[in-house]
PDB file of N, CA and C in Angstrom:
ATOM      1  N   MET A   1       8.503 -10.879   1.319  1.00  0.00           N
ATOM      2  CA  MET A   1       8.816  -9.491   0.030  1.00  0.00           C
ATOM      3  C   MET A   1       8.298  -8.888  -0.634  1.00  0.00           C
ATOM      4  N   SER A   2       8.400  -7.849  -1.320  1.00  0.00           N
ATOM      5  CA  SER A   2       7.558  -7.382  -2.256  1.00  0.00           C
ATOM      6  C   SER A   2       8.163  -7.446  -3.596  1.00  0.00           C
ATOM      7  N   ASP A   3       7.317  -7.337  -4.654  1.00  0.00           N
ATOM      8  CA  ASP A   3       7.728  -7.553  -6.205  1.00  0.00           C
ATOM      9  C   ASP A   3       9.017  -7.112  -6.911  1.00  0.00           C
ATOM     10  N   ALA A   4       9.844  -7.034  -7.229  1.00  0.00           N
ATOM     11  CA  ALA A   4      10.833  -6.492  -7.802  1.00  0.00           C
ATOM     12  C   ALA A   4      10.818  -5.285  -8.913  1.00  0.00           C
ATOM     13  N   TYR A   5       9.330  -5.616  -9.517  1.00  0.00           N
ATOM     14  CA  TYR A   5       9.174  -4.463 -10.481  1.00  0.00           C
ATOM     15  C   TYR A   5       7.672  -4.908 -10.567  1.00  0.00           C
ATOM     16  N   ASP A   6       6.937  -3.823 -11.115  1.00  0.00           N
ATOM     17  CA  ASP A   6       5.406  -3.520 -11.126  1.00  0.00           C
ATOM     18  C   ASP A   6       5.415  -3.895 -12.448  1.00  0.00           C
ATOM     19  N   ARG A   7       4.919  -5.374 -11.987  1.00  0.00           N
ATOM     20  CA  ARG A   7       3.883  -5.764 -13.642  1.00  0.00           C
ATOM     21  C   ARG A   7       2.724  -4.870 -14.202  1.00  0.00           C
ATOM     22  N   THR A   8       1.688  -4.463 -13.366  1.00  0.00           N
ATOM     23  CA  THR A   8       0.910  -4.013 -13.726  1.00  0.00           C
ATOM     24  C   THR A   8       0.988  -2.322 -14.367  1.00  0.00           C
ATOM     25  N   ARG A   9       2.217  -1.954 -14.144  1.00  0.00           N
ATOM     26  CA  ARG A   9       2.661  -0.251 -14.547  1.00  0.00           C
ATOM     27  C   ARG A   9       3.565  -1.008 -15.944  1.00  0.00           C
ATOM     28  N   LEU A  10       3.523  -2.398 -15.946  1.00  0.00           N
ATOM     29  CA  LEU A  10       3.784  -3.161 -18.112  1.00  0.00           C
ATOM     30  C   LEU A  10       2.983  -2.808 -18.479  1.00  0.00           C
ATOM     31  N   ILE A  11       2.028  -3.526 -18.221  1.00  0.00           N
ATOM     32  CA  ILE A  11       0.066  -3.505 -18.412  1.00  0.00           C
ATOM     33  C   ILE A  11      -0.561  -2.191 -18.706  1.00  0.00           C
ATOM     34  N   GLU A  12      -0.266  -1.246 -17.621  1.00  0.00           N
ATOM     35  CA  GLU A  12      -1.140  -0.188 -17.935  1.00  0.00           C
ATOM     36  C   GLU A  12       0.057   0.752 -19.044  1.00  0.00           C
ATOM     37  N   LEU A  13       1.166   0.527 -19.767  1.00  0.00           N
ATOM     38  CA  LEU A  13       2.059   1.077 -20.447  1.00  0.00           C
ATOM     39  C   LEU A  13       1.802   0.434 -22.012  1.00  0.00           C
ATOM     40  N   PHE A  14       1.690  -0.843 -22.084  1.00  0.00           N
ATOM     41  CA  PHE A  14       2.362  -1.852 -22.898  1.00  0.00           C
ATOM     42  C   PHE A  14       0.966  -2.213 -23.456  1.00  0.00           C
ATOM     43  N   GLY A  15      -0.119  -2.191 -22.726  1.00  0.00           N
ATOM     44  CA  GLY A  15      -1.683  -3.404 -22.581  1.00  0.00           C
ATOM     45  C   GLY A  15      -1.400  -4.782 -22.233  1.00  0.00           C
ATOM     46  N   ASP A  16      -1.803  -5.842 -22.280  1.00  0.00           N
ATOM     47  CA  ASP A  16      -2.222  -6.665 -21.701  1.00  0.00           C
ATOM     48  C   ASP A  16      -1.751  -7.861 -22.457  1.00  0.00           C
ATOM     49  N   ASP A  17      -1.195  -7.712 -23.450  1.00  0.00           N
ATOM     50  CA  ASP A  17      -0.518  -9.034 -24.533  1.00  0.00           C
ATOM     51  C   ASP A  17       0.735  -9.736 -24.022  1.00  0.00           C
ATOM     52  N   PRO A  18       0.591 -11.084 -23.347  1.00  0.00           N
ATOM     53  CA  PRO A  18       1.786 -11.630 -22.806  1.00  0.00           C
ATOM     54  C   PRO A  18       2.752 -11.707 -23.482  1.00  0.00           C
ATOM     55  N   ALA A  19       2.639 -11.590 -25.259  1.00  0.00           N
ATOM     56  CA  ALA A  19       4.205 -11.936 -25.830  1.00  0.00           C
ATOM     57  C   ALA A  19       4.648 -10.132 -26.076  1.00  0.00           C
ATOM     58  N   THR A  20       4.010  -8.936 -25.907  1.00  0.00           N
ATOM     59  CA  THR A  20       4.667  -7.903 -25.893  1.00  0.00           C
ATOM     60  C   THR A  20       5.310  -7.780 -24.239  1.00  0.00           C
ATOM     61  N   LEU A  21       4.614  -8.070 -23.418  1.00  0.00           N
ATOM     62  CA  LEU A  21       4.570  -8.257 -22.361  1.00  0.00           C
ATOM     63  C   LEU A  21       6.195  -8.331 -21.862  1.00  0.00           C
ATOM     64  N   ALA A  22       6.405  -9.851 -22.407  1.00  0.00           N
ATOM     65  CA  ALA A  22       7.328 -10.632 -21.990  1.00  0.00           C
ATOM     66  C   ALA A  22       8.455 -10.279 -22.826  1.00  0.00           C
ATOM     67  N   GLU A  23       8.185  -9.810 -24.023  1.00  0.00           N
ATOM     68  CA  GLU A  23       9.323  -8.752 -24.790  1.00  0.00           C
ATOM     69  C   GLU A  23       9.892  -7.543 -24.047  1.00  0.00           C
ATOM     70  N   VAL A  24       9.230  -6.787 -23.569  1.00  0.00           N
ATOM     71  CA  VAL A  24       9.353  -5.691 -22.519  1.00  0.00           C
ATOM     72  C   VAL A  24      10.631  -6.124 -21.483  1.00  0.00           C
ATOM     73  N   GLU A  25       9.781  -7.503 -20.897  1.00  0.00           N
ATOM     74  CA  GLU A  25      10.329  -7.520 -19.618  1.00  0.00           C
ATOM     75  C   GLU A  25      12.030  -8.635 -20.162  1.00  0.00           C
ATOM     76  N   ARG A  26      12.015  -9.168 -21.634  1.00  0.00           N
ATOM     77  CA  ARG A  26      13.153  -9.146 -21.340  1.00  0.00           C
ATOM     78  C   ARG A  26      14.525  -8.339 -21.810  1.00  0.00           C
ATOM     79  N   GLU A  27      13.941  -7.385 -22.656  1.00  0.00           N
ATOM     80  CA  GLU A  27      14.667  -6.178 -22.630  1.00  0.00           C
ATOM     81  C   GLU A  27      15.083  -5.311 -21.685  1.00  0.00           C
ATOM     82  N   PHE A  28      14.233  -5.085 -20.650  1.00  0.00           N
ATOM     83  CA  PHE A  28      14.582  -4.783 -19.496  1.00  0.00           C
ATOM     84  C   PHE A  28      15.680  -5.565 -19.004  1.00  0.00           C
ATOM     85  N   LEU A  29      16.073  -6.819 -18.990  1.00  0.00           N
ATOM     86  CA  LEU A  29      16.452  -7.273 -18.208  1.00  0.00           C
ATOM     87  C   LEU A  29      17.800  -7.463 -19.085  1.00  0.00           C
ATOM     88  N   ASP A  30      17.946  -7.601 -20.387  1.00  0.00           N
ATOM     89  CA  ASP A  30      18.619  -7.138 -21.100  1.00  0.00           C
ATOM     90  C   ASP A  30      19.908  -6.227 -20.372  1.00  0.00           C
ATOM     91  N   THR A  31      18.919  -4.968 -20.696  1.00  0.00           N
ATOM     92  CA  THR A  31      19.588  -3.751 -20.232  1.00  0.00           C
ATOM     93  C   THR A  31      20.579  -3.830 -18.949  1.00  0.00           C
ATOM     94  N   ALA A  32      19.376  -4.383 -17.809  1.00  0.00           N
ATOM     95  CA  ALA A  32      20.124  -4.384 -16.525  1.00  0.00           C
ATOM     96  C   ALA A  32      21.164  -5.145 -16.723  1.00  0.00           C
ATOM     97  N   CYS A  33      21.123  -6.270 -17.170  1.00  0.00           N
ATOM     98  CA  CYS A  33      22.222  -7.619 -16.997  1.00  0.00           C
ATOM     99  C   CYS A  33      23.540  -6.522 -17.808  1.00  0.00           C
ATOM    100  N   VAL A  34      23.222  -6.373 -18.483  1.00  0.00           N
ATOM    101  CA  VAL A  34      24.995  -5.530 -19.304  1.00  0.00           C
ATOM    102  C   VAL A  34      24.618  -4.026 -18.616  1.00  0.00           C
ATOM    103  N   ALA A  35      24.117  -3.355 -17.652  1.00  0.00           N
ATOM    104  CA  ALA A  35      24.739  -2.635 -17.088  1.00  0.00           C
ATOM    105  C   ALA A  35      25.126  -2.647 -16.158  1.00  0.00           C
ATOM    106  N   ALA A  36      24.791  -3.987 -15.443  1.00  0.00           N
ATOM    107  CA  ALA A  36      25.842  -4.720 -14.574  1.00  0.00           C
ATOM    108  C   ALA A  36      27.226  -5.126 -14.595  1.00  0.00           C
ATOM    109  N   GLN A  37      27.195  -6.131 -15.846  1.00  0.00           N
ATOM    110  CA  GLN A  37      28.416  -6.199 -16.528  1.00  0.00           C
ATOM    111  C   GLN A  37      29.194  -5.150 -17.076  1.00  0.00           C
ATOM    112  N   GLU A  38      28.816  -3.959 -17.196  1.00  0.00           N
ATOM    113  CA  GLU A  38      29.668  -2.727 -17.574  1.00  0.00           C
ATOM    114  C   GLU A  38      30.059  -2.107 -16.438  1.00  0.00           C
ATOM    115  N   ILE A  39      29.631  -2.543 -15.271  1.00  0.00           N
ATOM    116  CA  ILE A  39      29.376  -1.790 -13.932  1.00  0.00           C
ATOM    117  C   ILE A  39      30.702  -2.445 -13.223  1.00  0.00           C
ATOM    118  N   GLU A  40      30.665  -3.493 -13.274  1.00  0.00           N
ATOM    119  CA  GLU A  40      31.525  -4.657 -13.038  1.00  0.00           C
ATOM    120  C   GLU A  40      33.176  -4.345 -13.796  1.00  0.00           C
ATOM    121  N   ALA A  41      33.285  -4.305 -15.113  1.00  0.00           N
ATOM    122  CA  ALA A  41      33.935  -4.638 -15.662  1.00  0.00           C
ATOM    123  C   ALA A  41      34.914  -3.351 -15.936  1.00  0.00           C
ATOM    124  N   THR A  42      34.940  -2.814 -15.128  1.00  0.00           N
ATOM    125  CA  THR A  42      35.669  -1.048 -15.220  1.00  0.00           C
ATOM    126  C   THR A  42      35.899  -0.486 -14.370  1.00  0.00           C
ATOM    127  N   ASP A  43      36.671   0.559 -14.174  1.00  0.00           N
ATOM    128  CA  ASP A  43      36.824   1.055 -13.072  1.00  0.00           C
ATOM    129  C   ASP A  43      36.684   3.006 -13.800  1.00  0.00           C
ATOM    130  N   ASP A  44      36.258   2.909 -14.754  1.00  0.00           N
ATOM    131  CA  ASP A  44      36.091   4.176 -15.264  1.00  0.00           C
ATOM    132  C   ASP A  44      34.740   4.766 -14.756  1.00  0.00           C
ATOM    133  N   LEU A  45      35.028   5.608 -13.886  1.00  0.00           N
ATOM    134  CA  LEU A  45      33.895   6.392 -13.228  1.00  0.00           C
ATOM    135  C   LEU A  45      32.833   7.179 -14.314  1.00  0.00           C
ATOM    136  N   ALA A  46      32.840   7.504 -15.403  1.00  0.00           N
ATOM    137  CA  ALA A  46      32.426   8.319 -16.398  1.00  0.00           C
ATOM    138  C   ALA A  46      31.593   7.594 -17.220  1.00  0.00           C
ATOM    139  N   ALA A  47      32.278   5.774 -17.192  1.00  0.00           N
ATOM    140  CA  ALA A  47      31.137   5.031 -18.071  1.00  0.00           C
ATOM    141  C   ALA A  47      30.506   4.094 -16.843  1.00  0.00           C
ATOM    142  N   ILE A  48      30.301   3.972 -15.289  1.00  0.00           N
ATOM    143  CA  ILE A  48      29.915   3.895 -14.913  1.00  0.00           C
ATOM    144  C   ILE A  48      28.310   4.523 -14.593  1.00  0.00           C
ATOM    145  N   ALA A  49      28.410   5.789 -14.355  1.00  0.00           N
ATOM    146  CA  ALA A  49      27.901   6.720 -14.068  1.00  0.00           C
ATOM    147  C   ALA A  49      26.719   6.649 -14.811  1.00  0.00           C
ATOM    148  N   ARG A  50      26.977   6.314 -16.392  1.00  0.00           N
ATOM    149  CA  ARG A  50      26.786   6.542 -17.917  1.00  0.00           C
ATOM    150  C   ARG A  50      25.514   5.051 -17.876  1.00  0.00           C
ATOM    151  N   ALA A  51      26.072   3.526 -17.334  1.00  0.00           N
ATOM    152  CA  ALA A  51      25.733   2.496 -17.284  1.00  0.00           C
ATOM    153  C   ALA A  51      24.509   2.634 -16.204  1.00  0.00           C
ATOM    154  N   ALA A  52      24.955   3.398 -14.974  1.00  0.00           N
ATOM    155  CA  ALA A  52      23.890   3.505 -14.082  1.00  0.00           C
ATOM    156  C   ALA A  52      22.814   4.239 -14.341  1.00  0.00           C
ATOM    157  N   HIS A  53      22.892   5.460 -14.717  1.00  0.00           N
ATOM    158  CA  HIS A  53      21.900   6.222 -15.227  1.00  0.00           C
ATOM    159  C   HIS A  53      20.885   5.797 -16.581  1.00  0.00           C
ATOM    160  N   ARG A  54      21.473   4.794 -17.261  1.00  0.00           N
ATOM    161  CA  ARG A  54      20.555   4.318 -18.134  1.00  0.00           C
ATOM    162  C   ARG A  54      19.695   3.457 -17.220  1.00  0.00           C
ATOM    163  N   LEU A  55      20.256   2.552 -16.606  1.00  0.00           N
ATOM    164  CA  LEU A  55      19.434   1.490 -15.881  1.00  0.00           C
ATOM    165  C   LEU A  55      18.261   2.267 -14.792  1.00  0.00           C
ATOM    166  N   LYS A  56      18.754   3.781 -14.794  1.00  0.00           N
ATOM    167  CA  LYS A  56      17.851   4.185 -13.616  1.00  0.00           C
ATOM    168  C   LYS A  56      16.558   4.712 -14.006  1.00  0.00           C
ATOM    169  N   GLY A  57      16.734   5.312 -15.500  1.00  0.00           N
ATOM    170  CA  GLY A  57      15.445   5.279 -16.359  1.00  0.00           C
ATOM    171  C   GLY A  57      14.883   4.108 -16.142  1.00  0.00           C
ATOM    172  N   ALA A  58      15.611   3.132 -16.906  1.00  0.00           N
ATOM    173  CA  ALA A  58      14.473   1.935 -17.420  1.00  0.00           C
ATOM    174  C   ALA A  58      13.838   1.088 -16.322  1.00  0.00           C
ATOM    175  N   SER A  59      14.485   1.645 -15.186  1.00  0.00           N
ATOM    176  CA  SER A  59      14.055   0.951 -13.841  1.00  0.00           C
ATOM    177  C   SER A  59      12.484   1.793 -13.165  1.00  0.00           C
ATOM    178  N   GLY A  60      12.691   2.730 -13.257  1.00  0.00           N
ATOM    179  CA  GLY A  60      11.689   3.745 -13.183  1.00  0.00           C
ATOM    180  C   GLY A  60      10.416   3.571 -13.973  1.00  0.00           C
ATOM    181  N   MET A  61      10.687   3.461 -15.267  1.00  0.00           N
ATOM    182  CA  MET A  61       9.877   2.928 -16.466  1.00  0.00           C
ATOM    183  C   MET A  61       8.957   1.706 -15.911  1.00  0.00           C
ATOM    184  N   ILE A  62       9.355   0.939 -15.249  1.00  0.00           N
ATOM    185  CA  ILE A  62       8.707  -0.502 -15.632  1.00  0.00           C
ATOM    186  C   ILE A  62       8.714  -0.495 -13.445  1.00  0.00           C
ATOM    187  N   GLY A  63       8.898   0.384 -13.066  1.00  0.00           N
ATOM    188  CA  GLY A  63       8.585   0.395 -11.880  1.00  0.00           C
ATOM    189  C   GLY A  63       9.143  -0.219 -10.896  1.00  0.00           C
ATOM    190  N   ALA A  64      10.576  -0.961 -11.357  1.00  0.00           N
ATOM    191  CA  ALA A  64      11.031  -1.495  -9.896  1.00  0.00           C
ATOM    192  C   ALA A  64      12.111  -0.487  -9.223  1.00  0.00           C
ATOM    193  N   ALA A  65      11.087  -0.252  -8.393  1.00  0.00           N
ATOM    194  CA  ALA A  65      11.310   1.337  -7.180  1.00  0.00           C
ATOM    195  C   ALA A  65      13.010   0.375  -6.619  1.00  0.00           C
ATOM    196  N   ALA A  66      12.970  -0.412  -6.091  1.00  0.00           N
ATOM    197  CA  ALA A  66      14.296  -0.759  -5.682  1.00  0.00           C
ATOM    198  C   ALA A  66      15.314  -0.460  -6.083  1.00  0.00           C
ATOM    199  N   LEU A  67      15.547  -1.474  -7.524  1.00  0.00           N
ATOM    200  CA  LEU A  67      16.528  -1.041  -8.330  1.00  0.00           C
ATOM    201  C   LEU A  67      16.456   0.462  -9.445  1.00  0.00           C
ATOM    202  N   HIS A  68      15.929   1.196  -9.231  1.00  0.00           N
ATOM    203  CA  HIS A  68      16.132   2.262  -9.617  1.00  0.00           C
ATOM    204  C   HIS A  68      16.657   3.579  -8.404  1.00  0.00           C
ATOM    205  N   GLU A  69      16.753   2.949  -7.201  1.00  0.00           N
ATOM    206  CA  GLU A  69      17.092   3.701  -6.118  1.00  0.00           C
ATOM    207  C   GLU A  69      18.716   3.456  -5.965  1.00  0.00           C
ATOM    208  N   ILE A  70      19.005   2.242  -6.401  1.00  0.00           N
ATOM    209  CA  ILE A  70      20.156   1.263  -6.343  1.00  0.00           C
ATOM    210  C   ILE A  70      20.806   1.985  -7.390  1.00  0.00           C
ATOM    211  N   ALA A  71      20.763   2.092  -8.688  1.00  0.00           N
ATOM    212  CA  ALA A  71      20.972   2.454  -9.850  1.00  0.00           C
ATOM    213  C   ALA A  71      20.972   3.880  -9.693  1.00  0.00           C
ATOM    214  N   LYS A  72      20.472   4.857  -9.086  1.00  0.00           N
ATOM    215  CA  LYS A  72      20.861   5.730  -8.795  1.00  0.00           C
ATOM    216  C   LYS A  72      21.940   6.511  -7.548  1.00  0.00           C
ATOM    217  N   ALA A  73      22.040   5.496  -6.538  1.00  0.00           N
ATOM    218  CA  ALA A  73      22.994   5.132  -5.548  1.00  0.00           C
ATOM    219  C   ALA A  73      24.394   5.012  -6.319  1.00  0.00           C
ATOM    220  N   VAL A  74      24.448   4.180  -7.258  1.00  0.00           N
ATOM    221  CA  VAL A  74      25.575   4.073  -8.112  1.00  0.00           C
ATOM    222  C   VAL A  74      25.729   4.879  -8.655  1.00  0.00           C
ATOM    223  N   GLU A  75      24.902   5.965  -9.439  1.00  0.00           N
ATOM    224  CA  GLU A  75      24.826   6.796 -10.234  1.00  0.00           C
ATOM    225  C   GLU A  75      25.804   7.846  -9.183  1.00  0.00           C
ATOM    226  N   TYR A  76      25.661   8.380  -8.272  1.00  0.00           N
ATOM    227  CA  TYR A  76      25.954   9.917  -7.479  1.00  0.00           C
ATOM    228  C   TYR A  76      27.033   9.274  -6.984  1.00  0.00           C
ATOM    229  N   ALA A  77      27.694   7.736  -6.720  1.00  0.00           N
ATOM    230  CA  ALA A  77      29.094   7.704  -6.412  1.00  0.00           C
ATOM    231  C   ALA A  77      29.779   7.641  -7.128  1.00  0.00           C
ATOM    232  N   ALA A  78      29.421   7.249  -9.087  1.00  0.00           N
ATOM    233  CA  ALA A  78      30.285   7.280  -9.442  1.00  0.00           C
ATOM    234  C   ALA A  78      30.573   8.819  -9.558  1.00  0.00           C
ATOM    235  N   LYS A  79      29.892   9.679  -9.898  1.00  0.00           N
ATOM    236  CA  LYS A  79      29.601  11.349 -10.108  1.00  0.00           C
ATOM    237  C   LYS A  79      30.476  11.780  -9.276  1.00  0.00           C
ATOM    238  N   ALA A  80      30.501  10.956  -7.649  1.00  0.00           N
ATOM    239  CA  ALA A  80      31.341  11.696  -6.914  1.00  0.00           C
ATOM    240  C   ALA A  80      32.755  11.249  -6.569  1.00  0.00           C
ATOM    241  N   GLN A  81      32.817  10.584  -7.535  1.00  0.00           N
ATOM    242  CA  GLN A  81      34.552  10.078  -7.859  1.00  0.00           C
ATOM    243  C   GLN A  81      34.592   8.375  -6.918  1.00  0.00           C
ATOM    244  N   ASP A  82      33.772   8.510  -6.012  1.00  0.00           N
ATOM    245  CA  ASP A  82      33.908   7.159  -5.413  1.00  0.00           C
ATOM    246  C   ASP A  82      33.644   6.119  -5.656  1.00  0.00           C
ATOM    247  N   LEU A  83      34.465   5.308  -6.213  1.00  0.00           N
ATOM    248  CA  LEU A  83      34.567   3.897  -6.664  1.00  0.00           C
ATOM    249  C   LEU A  83      34.386   3.187  -5.675  1.00  0.00           C
ATOM    250  N   PRO A  84      35.232   3.431  -4.554  1.00  0.00           N
ATOM    251  CA  PRO A  84      35.370   2.304  -3.309  1.00  0.00           C
ATOM    252  C   PRO A  84      33.417   2.025  -3.102  1.00  0.00           C
ATOM    253  N   ALA A  85      33.276   2.877  -2.936  1.00  0.00           N
ATOM    254  CA  ALA A  85      31.237   2.750  -2.559  1.00  0.00           C
ATOM    255  C   ALA A  85      30.560   2.358  -3.707  1.00  0.00           C
ATOM    256  N   VAL A  86      30.606   2.748  -4.940  1.00  0.00           N
ATOM    257  CA  VAL A  86      30.664   2.133  -6.474  1.00  0.00           C
ATOM    258  C   VAL A  86      30.500   0.391  -6.307  1.00  0.00           C
ATOM    259  N   ARG A  87      31.969   0.090  -5.642  1.00  0.00           N
ATOM    260  CA  ARG A  87      31.840  -1.379  -5.177  1.00  0.00           C
ATOM    261  C   ARG A  87      30.956  -2.058  -4.088  1.00  0.00           C
ATOM    262  N   ARG A  88      30.896  -0.845  -3.118  1.00  0.00           N
ATOM    263  CA  ARG A  88      29.875  -1.887  -2.465  1.00  0.00           C
ATOM    264  C   ARG A  88      28.547  -1.683  -2.517  1.00  0.00           C
ATOM    265  N   ILE A  89      28.136  -0.933  -3.444  1.00  0.00           N
ATOM    266  CA  ILE A  89      26.625  -0.557  -3.407  1.00  0.00           C
ATOM    267  C   ILE A  89      26.865  -1.642  -4.931  1.00  0.00           C
ATOM    268  N   HIS A  90      27.538  -2.244  -5.490  1.00  0.00           N
ATOM    269  CA  HIS A  90      26.989  -3.359  -6.458  1.00  0.00           C
ATOM    270  C   HIS A  90      27.267  -4.773  -6.286  1.00  0.00           C
ATOM    271  N   ASP A  91      27.267  -5.247  -5.390  1.00  0.00           N
ATOM    272  CA  ASP A  91      26.505  -6.015  -4.434  1.00  0.00           C
ATOM    273  C   ASP A  91      25.469  -6.916  -4.357  1.00  0.00           C
ATOM    274  N   VAL A  92      24.867  -5.203  -3.741  1.00  0.00           N
ATOM    275  CA  VAL A  92      23.229  -5.198  -3.827  1.00  0.00           C
ATOM    276  C   VAL A  92      22.532  -4.930  -4.976  1.00  0.00           C
ATOM    277  N   PHE A  93      23.481  -4.251  -5.847  1.00  0.00           N
ATOM    278  CA  PHE A  93      22.585  -4.100  -7.360  1.00  0.00           C
ATOM    279  C   PHE A  93      22.732  -5.356  -8.094  1.00  0.00           C
ATOM    280  N   ARG A  94      23.414  -6.151  -7.975  1.00  0.00           N
ATOM    281  CA  ARG A  94      23.367  -7.426  -8.745  1.00  0.00           C
ATOM    282  C   ARG A  94      22.442  -8.193  -8.122  1.00  0.00           C
ATOM    283  N   HIS A  95      22.183  -8.077  -6.723  1.00  0.00           N
ATOM    284  CA  HIS A  95      21.061  -8.850  -6.123  1.00  0.00           C
ATOM    285  C   HIS A  95      19.757  -8.471  -6.387  1.00  0.00           C
ATOM    286  N   GLU A  96      19.432  -6.876  -6.712  1.00  0.00           N
ATOM    287  CA  GLU A  96      18.353  -6.564  -7.154  1.00  0.00           C
ATOM    288  C   GLU A  96      18.203  -6.839  -8.578  1.00  0.00           C
ATOM    289  N   VAL A  97      19.250  -6.877  -9.387  1.00  0.00           N
ATOM    290  CA  VAL A  97      19.098  -7.462 -10.775  1.00  0.00           C
ATOM    291  C   VAL A  97      18.253  -9.086 -10.701  1.00  0.00           C
ATOM    292  N   GLN A  98      18.839  -9.767  -9.951  1.00  0.00           N
ATOM    293  CA  GLN A  98      18.753 -11.254  -9.825  1.00  0.00           C
ATOM    294  C   GLN A  98      16.827 -11.209  -9.355  1.00  0.00           C
ATOM    295  N   ARG A  99      16.678 -10.290  -8.568  1.00  0.00           N
ATOM    296  CA  ARG A  99      15.434 -10.729  -8.093  1.00  0.00           C
ATOM    297  C   ARG A  99      14.409 -10.365  -9.234  1.00  0.00           C
ATOM    298  N   VAL A 100      14.713  -9.409 -10.131  1.00  0.00           N
ATOM    299  CA  VAL A 100      13.797  -8.789 -11.432  1.00  0.00           C
ATOM    300  C   VAL A 100      13.754 -10.347 -11.934  1.00  0.00           C
ATOM    301  N   ALA A 101      15.071 -10.941 -12.804  1.00  0.00           N
ATOM    302  CA  ALA A 101      15.170 -11.969 -13.347  1.00  0.00           C
ATOM    303  C   ALA A 101      14.252 -12.916 -12.803  1.00  0.00           C
ATOM    304  N   ASP A 102      14.387 -13.158 -11.432  1.00  0.00           N
ATOM    305  CA  ASP A 102      13.265 -14.229 -11.046  1.00  0.00           C
ATOM    306  C   ASP A 102      12.052 -14.081 -11.584  1.00  0.00           C
ATOM    307  N   GLN A 103      11.200 -12.429 -10.968  1.00  0.00           N
ATOM    308  CA  GLN A 103      10.333 -12.088 -11.534  1.00  0.00           C
ATOM    309  C   GLN A 103      10.051 -12.452 -12.775  1.00  0.00           C
ATOM    310  N   VAL A 104      10.481 -11.822 -13.582  1.00  0.00           N
ATOM    311  CA  VAL A 104      10.706 -11.930 -15.050  1.00  0.00           C
ATOM    312  C   VAL A 104      10.295 -13.808 -15.531  1.00  0.00           C
ATOM    313  N   GLY A 105      11.286 -14.542 -14.423  1.00  0.00           N
ATOM    314  CA  GLY A 105      11.272 -15.734 -15.335  1.00  0.00           C
ATOM    315  C   GLY A 105       9.689 -16.153 -14.593  1.00  0.00           C
ATOM    316  N   LEU A 106       9.356 -15.932 -13.378  1.00  0.00           N
ATOM    317  CA  LEU A 106       8.022 -16.453 -13.147  1.00  0.00           C
ATOM    318  C   LEU A 106       6.931 -15.943 -13.748  1.00  0.00           C
ATOM    319  N   ALA A 107       7.066 -14.704 -14.048  1.00  0.00           N
ATOM    320  CA  ALA A 107       5.846 -13.941 -15.271  1.00  0.00           C
ATOM    321  C   ALA A 107       5.884 -14.618 -16.844  1.00  0.00           C
ATOM    322  N   GLU A 108       7.136 -15.649 -16.956  1.00  0.00           N
ATOM    323  CA  GLU A 108       6.650 -16.129 -18.700  1.00  0.00           C
ATOM    324  C   GLU A 108       5.597 -17.256 -18.218  1.00  0.00           C
TER     325      GLU A 108
END
């Protein structure tokens, strides 16, 4: 299985300082976890779309391609007013956030 995100992309963006990379990874993981919690905690589709959009951008920046695509799917489902689809995708979303968390743990 491939990595959850592209750490070399972080190095290109932020340099090879381990402390800086760890901080960026922690901040990204915090963003991902908060977005996942926000999506799970509400049926407000506008709020879900905003949380997914925020994570879509952050995921794209660090090269978390799978999470980027999943966040995009959640955002589109929310904008389409399809709460059942959001809920179906959310399990995959949570799994991918966990994969990022696992990789961050390995990177530190």
